[in-house]
N, C-alpha and C. Protein backbone atom coordinates (compact mmCIF):
# COMPACT_ATOMS: atom_id res chain seq x y z
N MET A 1 -60.47 127.26 83.21
CA MET A 1 -60.99 126.51 82.70
C MET A 1 -61.81 126.39 81.85
N GLY A 2 -62.94 127.15 82.38
CA GLY A 2 -64.27 127.40 81.26
C GLY A 2 -63.66 128.21 79.78
N LYS A 3 -63.14 129.34 80.38
CA LYS A 3 -63.05 129.66 78.97
C LYS A 3 -61.80 128.73 77.68
N ARG A 4 -60.78 128.55 78.30
CA ARG A 4 -60.05 126.64 78.12
C ARG A 4 -61.18 126.20 76.74
N ALA A 5 -62.13 125.55 77.84
CA ALA A 5 -62.97 124.72 77.35
C ALA A 5 -64.19 124.98 76.65
N ASN A 6 -64.24 125.77 76.54
CA ASN A 6 -64.98 126.12 75.39
C ASN A 6 -65.01 126.53 74.04
N LEU A 7 -63.47 126.68 74.44
CA LEU A 7 -62.71 127.39 72.98
C LEU A 7 -62.49 125.39 72.33
N LEU A 8 -61.88 124.65 73.05
CA LEU A 8 -61.71 123.39 72.29
C LEU A 8 -62.98 122.43 71.57
N ARG A 9 -64.52 123.15 72.68
CA ARG A 9 -65.21 123.04 72.24
C ARG A 9 -66.01 123.12 70.95
N TYR A 10 -65.07 124.72 69.86
CA TYR A 10 -65.65 125.33 69.37
C TYR A 10 -64.73 125.11 67.96
N LEU A 11 -63.49 124.24 68.50
CA LEU A 11 -62.05 123.68 67.34
C LEU A 11 -62.72 123.02 67.26
N ALA A 12 -63.02 121.48 67.59
CA ALA A 12 -62.98 120.03 67.77
C ALA A 12 -64.61 120.40 66.68
N GLY A 13 -65.07 120.94 66.95
CA GLY A 13 -66.84 121.26 65.88
C GLY A 13 -65.73 121.66 64.27
N MET A 14 -65.10 122.52 64.54
CA MET A 14 -65.35 123.45 63.21
C MET A 14 -63.33 122.51 62.14
N LEU A 15 -63.59 121.14 63.33
CA LEU A 15 -61.66 120.58 63.14
C LEU A 15 -62.49 119.47 61.91
N THR A 16 -62.79 118.66 61.44
CA THR A 16 -63.68 117.48 61.02
C THR A 16 -61.80 116.51 60.15
N GLY A 17 -62.14 115.50 59.87
CA GLY A 17 -60.67 115.14 59.37
C GLY A 17 -60.26 114.42 60.22
N PRO A 18 -58.62 113.66 59.73
CA PRO A 18 -57.72 112.32 60.55
C PRO A 18 -57.65 113.28 60.92
N TRP A 19 -56.59 114.69 61.16
CA TRP A 19 -55.81 115.23 61.50
C TRP A 19 -55.85 115.34 62.58
N ALA A 20 -57.78 116.30 62.99
CA ALA A 20 -58.29 116.52 63.77
C ALA A 20 -57.89 116.33 64.97
N PHE A 21 -58.16 115.13 65.49
CA PHE A 21 -57.06 114.77 66.50
C PHE A 21 -55.87 114.96 67.39
N ALA A 22 -55.33 115.30 66.55
CA ALA A 22 -54.17 115.81 67.01
C ALA A 22 -54.20 117.63 67.00
N VAL A 23 -54.93 117.62 66.36
CA VAL A 23 -54.60 119.27 66.93
C VAL A 23 -55.24 119.62 67.94
N LEU A 24 -56.47 118.74 68.24
CA LEU A 24 -57.02 119.34 69.38
C LEU A 24 -55.67 118.31 70.48
N LEU A 25 -55.43 117.64 69.96
CA LEU A 25 -54.87 116.54 71.38
C LEU A 25 -53.58 118.06 71.56
N GLY A 26 -52.82 118.14 70.32
CA GLY A 26 -51.54 119.44 71.35
C GLY A 26 -52.03 120.81 71.53
N SER A 27 -53.10 121.39 71.40
CA SER A 27 -53.87 122.03 71.63
C SER A 27 -54.25 122.03 73.54
N LEU A 28 -54.52 121.27 74.02
CA LEU A 28 -54.62 120.51 75.37
C LEU A 28 -53.42 120.01 75.78
N ALA A 29 -52.60 119.42 75.45
CA ALA A 29 -50.86 119.80 75.95
C ALA A 29 -50.20 121.00 75.97
N SER A 30 -51.01 122.07 75.24
CA SER A 30 -50.23 123.65 75.33
C SER A 30 -50.51 123.94 76.32
N CYS A 31 -51.63 123.58 76.90
CA CYS A 31 -53.06 124.27 77.64
C CYS A 31 -52.41 123.95 79.30
N ALA A 32 -51.90 122.76 78.76
CA ALA A 32 -51.98 122.17 80.67
C ALA A 32 -50.73 122.47 81.29
N GLY A 33 -50.13 123.27 80.96
CA GLY A 33 -48.92 123.51 81.81
C GLY A 33 -48.31 124.40 82.06
N SER A 34 -49.65 125.60 80.84
CA SER A 34 -49.37 127.26 81.20
C SER A 34 -49.52 127.63 82.67
N GLU A 35 -49.77 128.82 83.11
CA GLU A 35 -49.62 129.43 84.76
C GLU A 35 -50.64 130.97 83.81
N PRO A 36 -50.88 130.69 85.04
CA PRO A 36 -52.16 132.73 84.51
C PRO A 36 -50.43 133.92 84.32
N GLN A 37 -51.31 134.06 83.46
CA GLN A 37 -49.88 135.45 83.39
C GLN A 37 -49.18 136.37 84.62
N GLY A 38 -48.24 136.67 85.04
CA GLY A 38 -47.97 137.65 85.97
C GLY A 38 -48.04 135.94 87.38
N ALA A 39 -48.46 135.29 87.45
CA ALA A 39 -48.36 134.69 88.62
C ALA A 39 -46.94 133.95 88.91
N LYS A 40 -46.96 134.38 90.88
CA LYS A 40 -45.48 134.50 90.96
C LYS A 40 -44.95 133.89 92.24
N TRP A 41 -44.69 132.70 92.03
CA TRP A 41 -44.46 131.91 93.57
C TRP A 41 -43.50 132.60 93.90
N PRO A 42 -44.17 132.69 95.76
CA PRO A 42 -43.10 133.47 97.27
C PRO A 42 -42.01 132.11 96.84
N THR A 43 -41.16 133.63 97.10
CA THR A 43 -39.49 132.67 97.47
C THR A 43 -39.36 131.63 98.70
N VAL A 44 -38.68 131.50 98.70
CA VAL A 44 -38.35 130.06 100.40
C VAL A 44 -38.26 131.47 101.48
N ARG A 45 -37.69 132.54 101.11
CA ARG A 45 -37.38 133.57 102.26
C ARG A 45 -38.89 134.24 102.32
N GLU A 46 -39.50 134.68 101.76
CA GLU A 46 -40.85 135.20 101.69
C GLU A 46 -41.83 133.68 102.28
N GLU A 47 -42.13 132.73 101.87
CA GLU A 47 -42.84 132.18 103.26
C GLU A 47 -42.14 131.90 104.36
N LEU A 48 -40.71 131.62 104.73
CA LEU A 48 -40.14 132.01 105.67
C LEU A 48 -40.80 132.94 106.65
N ALA A 49 -40.91 134.08 106.54
CA ALA A 49 -40.67 135.08 107.10
C ALA A 49 -42.53 135.08 107.75
N VAL A 50 -43.27 134.68 106.52
CA VAL A 50 -44.87 134.45 106.96
C VAL A 50 -44.66 133.09 108.21
N TYR A 51 -44.16 132.07 107.73
CA TYR A 51 -44.42 131.73 108.72
C TYR A 51 -43.87 131.63 110.03
N ASP A 52 -42.68 132.38 110.11
CA ASP A 52 -42.00 133.35 111.18
C ASP A 52 -42.91 134.38 112.28
N GLN A 53 -43.97 134.86 111.05
CA GLN A 53 -44.72 135.79 111.84
C GLN A 53 -46.12 134.90 112.49
N GLN A 54 -46.07 133.33 112.44
CA GLN A 54 -47.64 132.42 113.22
C GLN A 54 -46.94 132.47 114.20
N MET A 55 -45.66 132.11 114.34
CA MET A 55 -44.91 131.06 115.32
C MET A 55 -44.34 132.97 116.55
N ASN A 56 -44.19 134.48 116.08
CA ASN A 56 -44.03 135.02 116.89
C ASN A 56 -45.70 135.95 117.42
N TRP A 57 -46.78 135.15 116.79
CA TRP A 57 -47.56 135.74 117.43
C TRP A 57 -48.12 134.61 118.04
N GLY A 58 -47.63 133.43 118.17
CA GLY A 58 -48.23 132.18 119.14
C GLY A 58 -47.25 132.22 120.33
N LEU A 59 -46.63 133.34 120.03
CA LEU A 59 -45.36 133.25 120.87
C LEU A 59 -46.04 134.43 122.22
N ILE A 60 -46.87 135.90 121.17
CA ILE A 60 -47.15 136.41 121.88
C ILE A 60 -48.43 135.85 123.48
N TYR A 61 -48.88 135.04 122.23
CA TYR A 61 -49.82 134.61 122.89
C TYR A 61 -50.31 133.86 123.69
N TYR A 62 -48.70 132.69 124.46
CA TYR A 62 -48.32 132.08 125.06
C TYR A 62 -47.58 133.47 126.46
N GLN A 63 -46.83 133.93 125.89
CA GLN A 63 -47.07 135.13 127.41
C GLN A 63 -48.04 135.72 127.47
N SER A 64 -49.17 136.32 127.11
CA SER A 64 -50.25 136.56 127.20
C SER A 64 -51.47 135.58 128.32
N TRP A 65 -51.13 134.56 127.74
CA TRP A 65 -51.79 133.21 129.19
C TRP A 65 -50.54 133.00 129.90
N ILE A 66 -49.67 133.12 130.03
CA ILE A 66 -48.79 132.68 131.32
C ILE A 66 -49.25 133.99 132.37
N LYS A 67 -48.47 135.64 131.95
CA LYS A 67 -49.64 136.39 132.81
C LYS A 67 -50.69 136.77 133.33
N GLU A 68 -51.95 136.11 132.05
CA GLU A 68 -53.50 135.95 133.00
C GLU A 68 -53.92 135.39 133.10
N LYS A 69 -53.53 133.64 132.60
CA LYS A 69 -54.21 132.35 132.68
C LYS A 69 -55.16 132.35 132.30
N ASN A 70 -55.86 133.20 131.13
CA ASN A 70 -56.91 132.62 130.03
C ASN A 70 -56.63 131.36 129.86
N PRO A 71 -57.35 130.70 129.23
CA PRO A 71 -57.29 129.53 128.27
C PRO A 71 -57.71 129.91 126.53
N ARG A 72 -58.27 130.98 126.70
CA ARG A 72 -58.44 131.15 125.51
C ARG A 72 -57.01 131.57 124.56
N TYR A 73 -56.10 132.10 125.08
CA TYR A 73 -54.22 132.13 125.18
C TYR A 73 -54.00 131.50 124.68
N LEU A 74 -53.79 129.76 125.75
CA LEU A 74 -53.06 128.51 125.00
C LEU A 74 -53.84 128.20 123.79
N VAL A 75 -54.54 127.72 123.74
CA VAL A 75 -55.35 128.01 122.67
C VAL A 75 -55.08 128.34 121.05
N LEU A 76 -54.84 130.00 121.37
CA LEU A 76 -54.72 129.91 120.16
C LEU A 76 -52.94 130.16 119.84
N SER A 77 -52.35 130.35 121.28
CA SER A 77 -51.45 129.99 120.91
C SER A 77 -50.90 128.96 120.32
N ARG A 78 -50.97 127.88 120.45
CA ARG A 78 -51.36 125.89 119.96
C ARG A 78 -51.73 126.30 119.28
N GLU A 79 -52.54 126.81 118.60
CA GLU A 79 -52.83 126.84 117.23
C GLU A 79 -51.98 127.41 116.09
N HIS A 80 -51.75 129.09 116.83
CA HIS A 80 -50.06 129.44 115.60
C HIS A 80 -48.63 128.58 115.72
N ILE A 81 -48.52 128.78 116.72
CA ILE A 81 -47.33 128.04 116.59
C ILE A 81 -47.61 126.50 116.29
N PHE A 82 -48.11 125.21 116.47
CA PHE A 82 -48.41 124.51 115.33
C PHE A 82 -48.75 124.72 113.79
N THR A 83 -49.18 125.87 113.47
CA THR A 83 -49.69 126.00 112.05
C THR A 83 -48.53 126.48 111.29
N ALA A 84 -47.57 127.13 112.23
CA ALA A 84 -46.00 127.49 111.97
C ALA A 84 -44.96 125.77 111.37
N VAL A 85 -45.13 125.35 112.80
CA VAL A 85 -44.49 124.09 112.97
C VAL A 85 -45.16 123.08 111.22
N ASN A 86 -46.36 123.20 111.18
CA ASN A 86 -46.42 121.93 109.83
C ASN A 86 -45.88 123.27 108.79
N HIS A 87 -45.62 124.39 108.52
CA HIS A 87 -45.43 125.03 107.79
C HIS A 87 -43.92 124.86 107.39
N TYR A 88 -42.96 125.22 108.29
CA TYR A 88 -41.13 124.62 108.78
C TYR A 88 -41.52 123.63 107.78
N HIS A 89 -42.28 122.32 108.58
CA HIS A 89 -42.57 121.00 108.03
C HIS A 89 -42.77 120.75 106.11
N TYR A 90 -43.33 121.07 106.03
CA TYR A 90 -43.71 121.04 104.58
C TYR A 90 -42.37 122.00 103.94
N LEU A 91 -42.13 123.08 104.39
CA LEU A 91 -41.03 123.77 103.32
C LEU A 91 -38.91 122.85 103.08
N GLN A 92 -39.76 121.82 104.69
CA GLN A 92 -38.08 120.96 105.07
C GLN A 92 -38.87 119.98 103.50
N ARG A 93 -39.37 119.54 103.06
CA ARG A 93 -39.70 118.58 102.41
C ARG A 93 -39.55 118.84 101.38
N GLU A 94 -39.92 120.43 100.82
CA GLU A 94 -40.81 120.85 99.73
C GLU A 94 -39.05 120.62 99.05
N MET A 95 -37.91 121.80 100.15
CA MET A 95 -36.37 121.72 99.37
C MET A 95 -35.55 121.06 99.88
N GLY A 96 -35.49 120.01 100.56
CA GLY A 96 -34.24 118.73 100.81
C GLY A 96 -33.52 119.36 101.87
N THR A 97 -32.29 118.38 101.92
CA THR A 97 -31.01 119.26 102.71
C THR A 97 -29.79 119.46 101.79
N GLY A 98 -30.12 119.92 100.63
CA GLY A 98 -29.60 120.02 99.54
C GLY A 98 -29.30 121.75 99.92
N PHE A 99 -30.43 122.26 100.22
CA PHE A 99 -30.89 123.54 99.76
C PHE A 99 -30.45 124.38 101.53
N PRO A 100 -30.04 125.05 101.10
CA PRO A 100 -28.72 126.09 101.79
C PRO A 100 -29.72 126.78 103.42
N ASP A 101 -31.05 127.21 103.56
CA ASP A 101 -31.63 127.29 104.53
C ASP A 101 -33.05 126.11 105.12
N TYR A 102 -32.34 124.83 104.59
CA TYR A 102 -32.75 123.75 105.16
C TYR A 102 -32.88 124.02 106.52
N TYR A 103 -31.59 124.02 107.00
CA TYR A 103 -30.68 124.07 108.24
C TYR A 103 -32.01 124.87 109.23
N ILE A 104 -31.65 125.80 108.22
CA ILE A 104 -32.24 127.38 109.23
C ILE A 104 -33.95 126.81 109.55
N VAL A 105 -34.54 126.55 108.40
CA VAL A 105 -35.90 125.67 108.98
C VAL A 105 -36.37 124.82 109.46
N ASN A 106 -35.47 123.77 109.73
CA ASN A 106 -34.42 122.58 111.21
C ASN A 106 -34.59 123.16 111.96
N ARG A 107 -34.14 124.47 112.27
CA ARG A 107 -34.28 125.23 113.66
C ARG A 107 -34.96 125.72 114.03
N ARG A 108 -35.91 126.24 113.70
CA ARG A 108 -37.13 126.39 113.15
C ARG A 108 -37.95 126.09 114.40
N ARG A 109 -38.02 125.35 113.05
CA ARG A 109 -39.07 123.29 113.76
C ARG A 109 -38.94 123.55 114.96
N ARG A 110 -37.23 122.60 115.53
CA ARG A 110 -37.34 122.22 116.37
C ARG A 110 -37.77 123.18 118.16
N ILE A 111 -37.36 124.12 117.52
CA ILE A 111 -38.01 125.68 118.15
C ILE A 111 -39.06 125.35 118.52
N GLY A 112 -40.31 125.44 117.61
CA GLY A 112 -41.27 125.46 118.38
C GLY A 112 -41.87 123.80 118.04
N CYS A 113 -41.48 123.16 118.20
CA CYS A 113 -41.31 121.48 118.76
C CYS A 113 -41.55 121.65 119.77
N THR A 114 -40.22 122.57 120.68
CA THR A 114 -40.05 122.74 122.22
C THR A 114 -41.38 123.62 122.64
N TYR A 115 -41.81 124.81 121.81
CA TYR A 115 -42.76 125.05 122.56
C TYR A 115 -44.19 124.92 122.16
N LEU A 116 -44.34 123.69 121.27
CA LEU A 116 -45.74 123.08 121.61
C LEU A 116 -45.42 121.37 123.14
N LYS A 117 -44.13 121.47 122.99
CA LYS A 117 -44.19 120.83 124.31
C LYS A 117 -44.60 121.30 125.17
N GLU A 118 -44.20 122.62 125.30
CA GLU A 118 -44.38 123.32 126.79
C GLU A 118 -46.03 123.30 127.22
N LEU A 119 -46.78 123.75 125.93
CA LEU A 119 -48.12 124.44 125.57
C LEU A 119 -48.90 122.99 126.26
N ASP A 120 -48.75 122.14 125.48
CA ASP A 120 -49.28 120.48 126.09
C ASP A 120 -48.67 120.41 127.45
N ALA A 121 -47.54 120.63 127.83
CA ALA A 121 -47.97 120.19 129.51
C ALA A 121 -47.92 121.44 130.79
N ALA A 122 -48.50 122.88 130.23
CA ALA A 122 -49.31 123.78 130.51
C ALA A 122 -51.07 123.20 130.30
N ALA A 123 -51.18 122.70 129.30
CA ALA A 123 -52.60 122.37 129.72
C ALA A 123 -53.64 121.77 130.33
N LEU A 124 -52.19 120.01 130.23
CA LEU A 124 -52.38 119.44 131.15
C LEU A 124 -52.52 120.06 132.36
N ARG A 125 -51.00 120.31 133.17
CA ARG A 125 -51.50 120.91 134.35
C ARG A 125 -52.52 122.17 134.43
N TYR A 126 -52.87 122.86 133.86
CA TYR A 126 -54.29 124.31 134.11
C TYR A 126 -55.25 123.46 133.75
N GLN A 127 -55.41 121.43 133.01
CA GLN A 127 -56.75 121.61 132.40
C GLN A 127 -57.44 122.09 131.73
N VAL A 128 -56.75 122.33 130.32
CA VAL A 128 -56.86 123.44 129.44
C VAL A 128 -56.99 122.33 127.95
N ASP A 129 -58.29 122.36 127.79
CA ASP A 129 -58.36 121.39 126.76
C ASP A 129 -58.05 122.14 124.92
N LEU A 130 -57.27 121.22 124.11
CA LEU A 130 -56.66 121.74 123.58
C LEU A 130 -57.01 120.51 122.49
N PRO A 131 -57.43 122.32 121.20
CA PRO A 131 -57.72 120.68 119.79
C PRO A 131 -56.93 119.94 119.53
N ASN A 132 -57.50 118.35 119.13
CA ASN A 132 -56.73 117.29 118.78
C ASN A 132 -55.71 117.86 117.89
N THR A 133 -54.99 117.98 117.60
CA THR A 133 -53.66 118.26 115.95
C THR A 133 -52.16 117.00 116.43
N SER A 134 -52.75 116.32 116.60
CA SER A 134 -51.54 114.97 116.70
C SER A 134 -50.34 115.18 114.79
N ASP A 135 -50.77 115.43 113.70
CA ASP A 135 -49.58 115.23 112.99
C ASP A 135 -49.26 116.86 112.93
N SER A 136 -48.33 117.08 113.66
CA SER A 136 -47.86 118.80 114.26
C SER A 136 -46.06 118.63 113.10
N GLY A 137 -45.54 117.12 112.44
CA GLY A 137 -43.87 118.14 112.12
C GLY A 137 -43.05 117.67 113.13
N CYS A 138 -43.53 116.93 114.30
CA CYS A 138 -42.73 117.25 115.28
C CYS A 138 -42.89 115.91 115.44
N TRP A 139 -41.17 115.31 115.11
CA TRP A 139 -40.74 113.75 115.82
C TRP A 139 -39.87 113.52 116.65
N PRO A 140 -39.61 112.37 117.09
CA PRO A 140 -38.88 112.37 118.38
C PRO A 140 -36.83 112.26 117.35
N ASP A 141 -35.55 113.56 118.04
CA ASP A 141 -35.06 113.99 117.18
C ASP A 141 -33.97 113.08 118.00
């Protein structure tokens, strides 16, 4: 933004007359929608792969919790699965029901919500304090 602002200040100083405002406004409008060169947005499948990795880490920590009953594993599992569910929820909102992968994402989000319920039950049973994460992308189905 700094280079654009300096350029616009320079042009504004150079331009005089009634048409100067129109030229300045046109240059601002052309800069507003531009993206950096080479910017690439990830595809839905690429984002889904990242969120699946979060879910996998959460499940690995959950299995470690089952074996060793170390409270830190339960907290880490909750954090990873919570992050994955939130991202699945965000992805669902962004793509809408018309997108073919919507139902795949919905199924994965619901599986994550099931694991979150199990984690919360285990935390209550073993008196483990979990971070307060009320907005998890889960709702009554």
